[in-house]
Amino acid sequence: MIDGFDAALSHGATCIEPLYRQLLGVLESEGLERLDPLGKPFDPNEHDAVAHEEGDVDQPTVVEVMRAGYRWKGRVLRPAMVKVRG
């Protein structure tokens, strides 16, 4: 359901944003945490690298998030689908 909201918002359906924020607020108050790894070091425990680009970096870094990941009360429910540089 959250992925559906994300897709609608990315296509300009801003009218659903208040409902989306309300849903996320309720889920977060119960223990849901959205994984936002953009610009952070790649962690195979929380990220699923589905694309890679060459880069001169010391540590592989997330450069694009293709699908959000989620953690529930500290446990990864779904890793974030990401593109990694390095």
C-alpha atoms as a PDB file:
ATOM      1  CA  MET A   1       0.000   0.000   0.000  1.00  0.00           C
ATOM      2  CA  ILE A   2       2.830   2.395   0.824  1.00  0.00           C
ATOM      3  CA  ASP A   3       4.485   1.605  -2.517  1.00  0.00           C
ATOM      4  CA  GLY A   4       1.223   2.567  -4.230  1.00  0.00           C
ATOM      5  CA  PHE A   5       1.227   5.913  -2.449  1.00  0.00           C
ATOM      6  CA  ASP A   6       4.882   6.458  -3.414  1.00  0.00           C
ATOM      7  CA  ALA A   7       4.108   5.722  -7.069  1.00  0.00           C
ATOM      8  CA  ALA A   8       1.089   8.022  -7.112  1.00  0.00           C
ATOM      9  CA  LEU A   9       3.042  10.857  -5.518  1.00  0.00           C
ATOM     10  CA  SER A  10       5.912  10.427  -7.979  1.00  0.00           C
ATOM     11  CA  HIS A  11       3.376  10.882 -10.783  1.00  0.00           C
ATOM     12  CA  GLY A  12       2.044  14.124  -9.331  1.00  0.00           C
ATOM     13  CA  ALA A  13      -0.976  13.006  -7.287  1.00  0.00           C
ATOM     14  CA  THR A  14      -0.328  15.514  -4.513  1.00  0.00           C
ATOM     15  CA  CYS A  15      -3.936  15.371  -3.319  1.00  0.00           C
ATOM     16  CA  ILE A  16      -3.200  12.074  -1.529  1.00  0.00           C
ATOM     17  CA  GLU A  17      -0.220  13.413   0.410  1.00  0.00           C
ATOM     18  CA  PRO A  18      -2.128  14.236   3.640  1.00  0.00           C
ATOM     19  CA  LEU A  19      -3.574  10.708   3.769  1.00  0.00           C
ATOM     20  CA  TYR A  20      -0.140   9.238   3.034  1.00  0.00           C
ATOM     21  CA  ARG A  21       1.478  11.257   5.845  1.00  0.00           C
ATOM     22  CA  GLN A  22      -1.269  10.183   8.241  1.00  0.00           C
ATOM     23  CA  LEU A  23      -0.786   6.504   7.355  1.00  0.00           C
ATOM     24  CA  LEU A  24       2.984   6.753   7.796  1.00  0.00           C
ATOM     25  CA  GLY A  25       2.518   8.540  11.118  1.00  0.00           C
ATOM     26  CA  VAL A  26       0.368   5.739  12.482  1.00  0.00           C
ATOM     27  CA  LEU A  27       2.724   3.017  11.243  1.00  0.00           C
ATOM     28  CA  GLU A  28       5.803   4.830  12.555  1.00  0.00           C
ATOM     29  CA  SER A  29       4.206   5.232  15.980  1.00  0.00           C
ATOM     30  CA  GLU A  30       3.814   1.439  16.045  1.00  0.00           C
ATOM     31  CA  GLY A  31       7.433   0.728  15.065  1.00  0.00           C
ATOM     32  CA  LEU A  32       7.814   1.113  11.300  1.00  0.00           C
ATOM     33  CA  GLU A  33      10.974   2.826  10.092  1.00  0.00           C
ATOM     34  CA  ARG A  34      11.578   3.734   6.459  1.00  0.00           C
ATOM     35  CA  LEU A  35      15.129   3.016   5.302  1.00  0.00           C
ATOM     36  CA  ASP A  36      16.562   6.090   3.579  1.00  0.00           C
ATOM     37  CA  PRO A  37      20.100   5.092   2.544  1.00  0.00           C
ATOM     38  CA  LEU A  38      20.755   7.754  -0.140  1.00  0.00           C
ATOM     39  CA  GLY A  39      24.342   8.981   0.192  1.00  0.00           C
ATOM     40  CA  LYS A  40      25.147   6.466   2.928  1.00  0.00           C
ATOM     41  CA  PRO A  41      27.572   3.523   2.812  1.00  0.00           C
ATOM     42  CA  PHE A  42      26.148   0.359   1.257  1.00  0.00           C
ATOM     43  CA  ASP A  43      25.037  -2.178   3.886  1.00  0.00           C
ATOM     44  CA  PRO A  44      24.057  -5.605   2.498  1.00  0.00           C
ATOM     45  CA  ASN A  45      21.990  -6.229   5.639  1.00  0.00           C
ATOM     46  CA  GLU A  46      19.659  -3.332   4.779  1.00  0.00           C
ATOM     47  CA  HIS A  47      20.171  -2.742   1.058  1.00  0.00           C
ATOM     48  CA  ASP A  48      19.693  -4.851  -2.057  1.00  0.00           C
ATOM     49  CA  ALA A  49      22.095  -3.585  -4.746  1.00  0.00           C
ATOM     50  CA  VAL A  50      20.444  -4.099  -8.143  1.00  0.00           C
ATOM     51  CA  ALA A  51      22.628  -1.668 -10.105  1.00  0.00           C
ATOM     52  CA  HIS A  52      26.252  -0.618  -9.874  1.00  0.00           C
ATOM     53  CA  GLU A  53      28.338   2.173 -11.319  1.00  0.00           C
ATOM     54  CA  GLU A  54      32.083   2.587 -11.243  1.00  0.00           C
ATOM     55  CA  GLY A  55      33.469   5.211  -8.957  1.00  0.00           C
ATOM     56  CA  ASP A  56      36.659   6.203  -7.237  1.00  0.00           C
ATOM     57  CA  VAL A  57      35.472   5.886  -3.631  1.00  0.00           C
ATOM     58  CA  ASP A  58      36.881   4.101  -0.599  1.00  0.00           C
ATOM     59  CA  GLN A  59      33.578   2.529   0.354  1.00  0.00           C
ATOM     60  CA  PRO A  60      30.591   1.597  -1.854  1.00  0.00           C
ATOM     61  CA  THR A  61      27.908   4.260  -1.482  1.00  0.00           C
ATOM     62  CA  VAL A  62      24.186   4.326  -2.285  1.00  0.00           C
ATOM     63  CA  VAL A  63      23.597   6.822  -5.119  1.00  0.00           C
ATOM     64  CA  GLU A  64      19.949   6.022  -5.938  1.00  0.00           C
ATOM     65  CA  VAL A  65      17.038   4.418  -4.103  1.00  0.00           C
ATOM     66  CA  MET A  66      14.766   2.559  -6.509  1.00  0.00           C
ATOM     67  CA  ARG A  67      12.398   1.176  -3.887  1.00  0.00           C
ATOM     68  CA  ALA A  68      12.188   2.082  -0.239  1.00  0.00           C
ATOM     69  CA  GLY A  69      13.059  -0.435   2.426  1.00  0.00           C
ATOM     70  CA  TYR A  70      11.441  -0.821   5.825  1.00  0.00           C
ATOM     71  CA  ARG A  71      12.386  -1.922   9.314  1.00  0.00           C
ATOM     72  CA  TRP A  72       9.778  -2.999  11.876  1.00  0.00           C
ATOM     73  CA  LYS A  73      10.801  -2.660  15.517  1.00  0.00           C
ATOM     74  CA  GLY A  74      14.473  -3.033  14.592  1.00  0.00           C
ATOM     75  CA  ARG A  75      14.045  -5.933  12.161  1.00  0.00           C
ATOM     76  CA  VAL A  76      14.440  -5.430   8.406  1.00  0.00           C
ATOM     77  CA  LEU A  77      11.154  -6.278   6.703  1.00  0.00           C
ATOM     78  CA  ARG A  78      12.323  -5.422   3.217  1.00  0.00           C
ATOM     79  CA  PRO A  79      15.742  -4.154   2.164  1.00  0.00           C
ATOM     80  CA  ALA A  80      15.907  -0.984   0.111  1.00  0.00           C
ATOM     81  CA  MET A  81      16.502  -1.606  -3.603  1.00  0.00           C
ATOM     82  CA  VAL A  82      19.468   0.590  -4.500  1.00  0.00           C
ATOM     83  CA  LYS A  83      22.097   1.606  -7.038  1.00  0.00           C
ATOM     84  CA  VAL A  84      25.634   1.627  -5.649  1.00  0.00           C
ATOM     85  CA  ARG A  85      28.746   3.527  -6.697  1.00  0.00           C
ATOM     86  CA  GLY A  86      32.152   2.043  -6.001  1.00  0.00           C
END
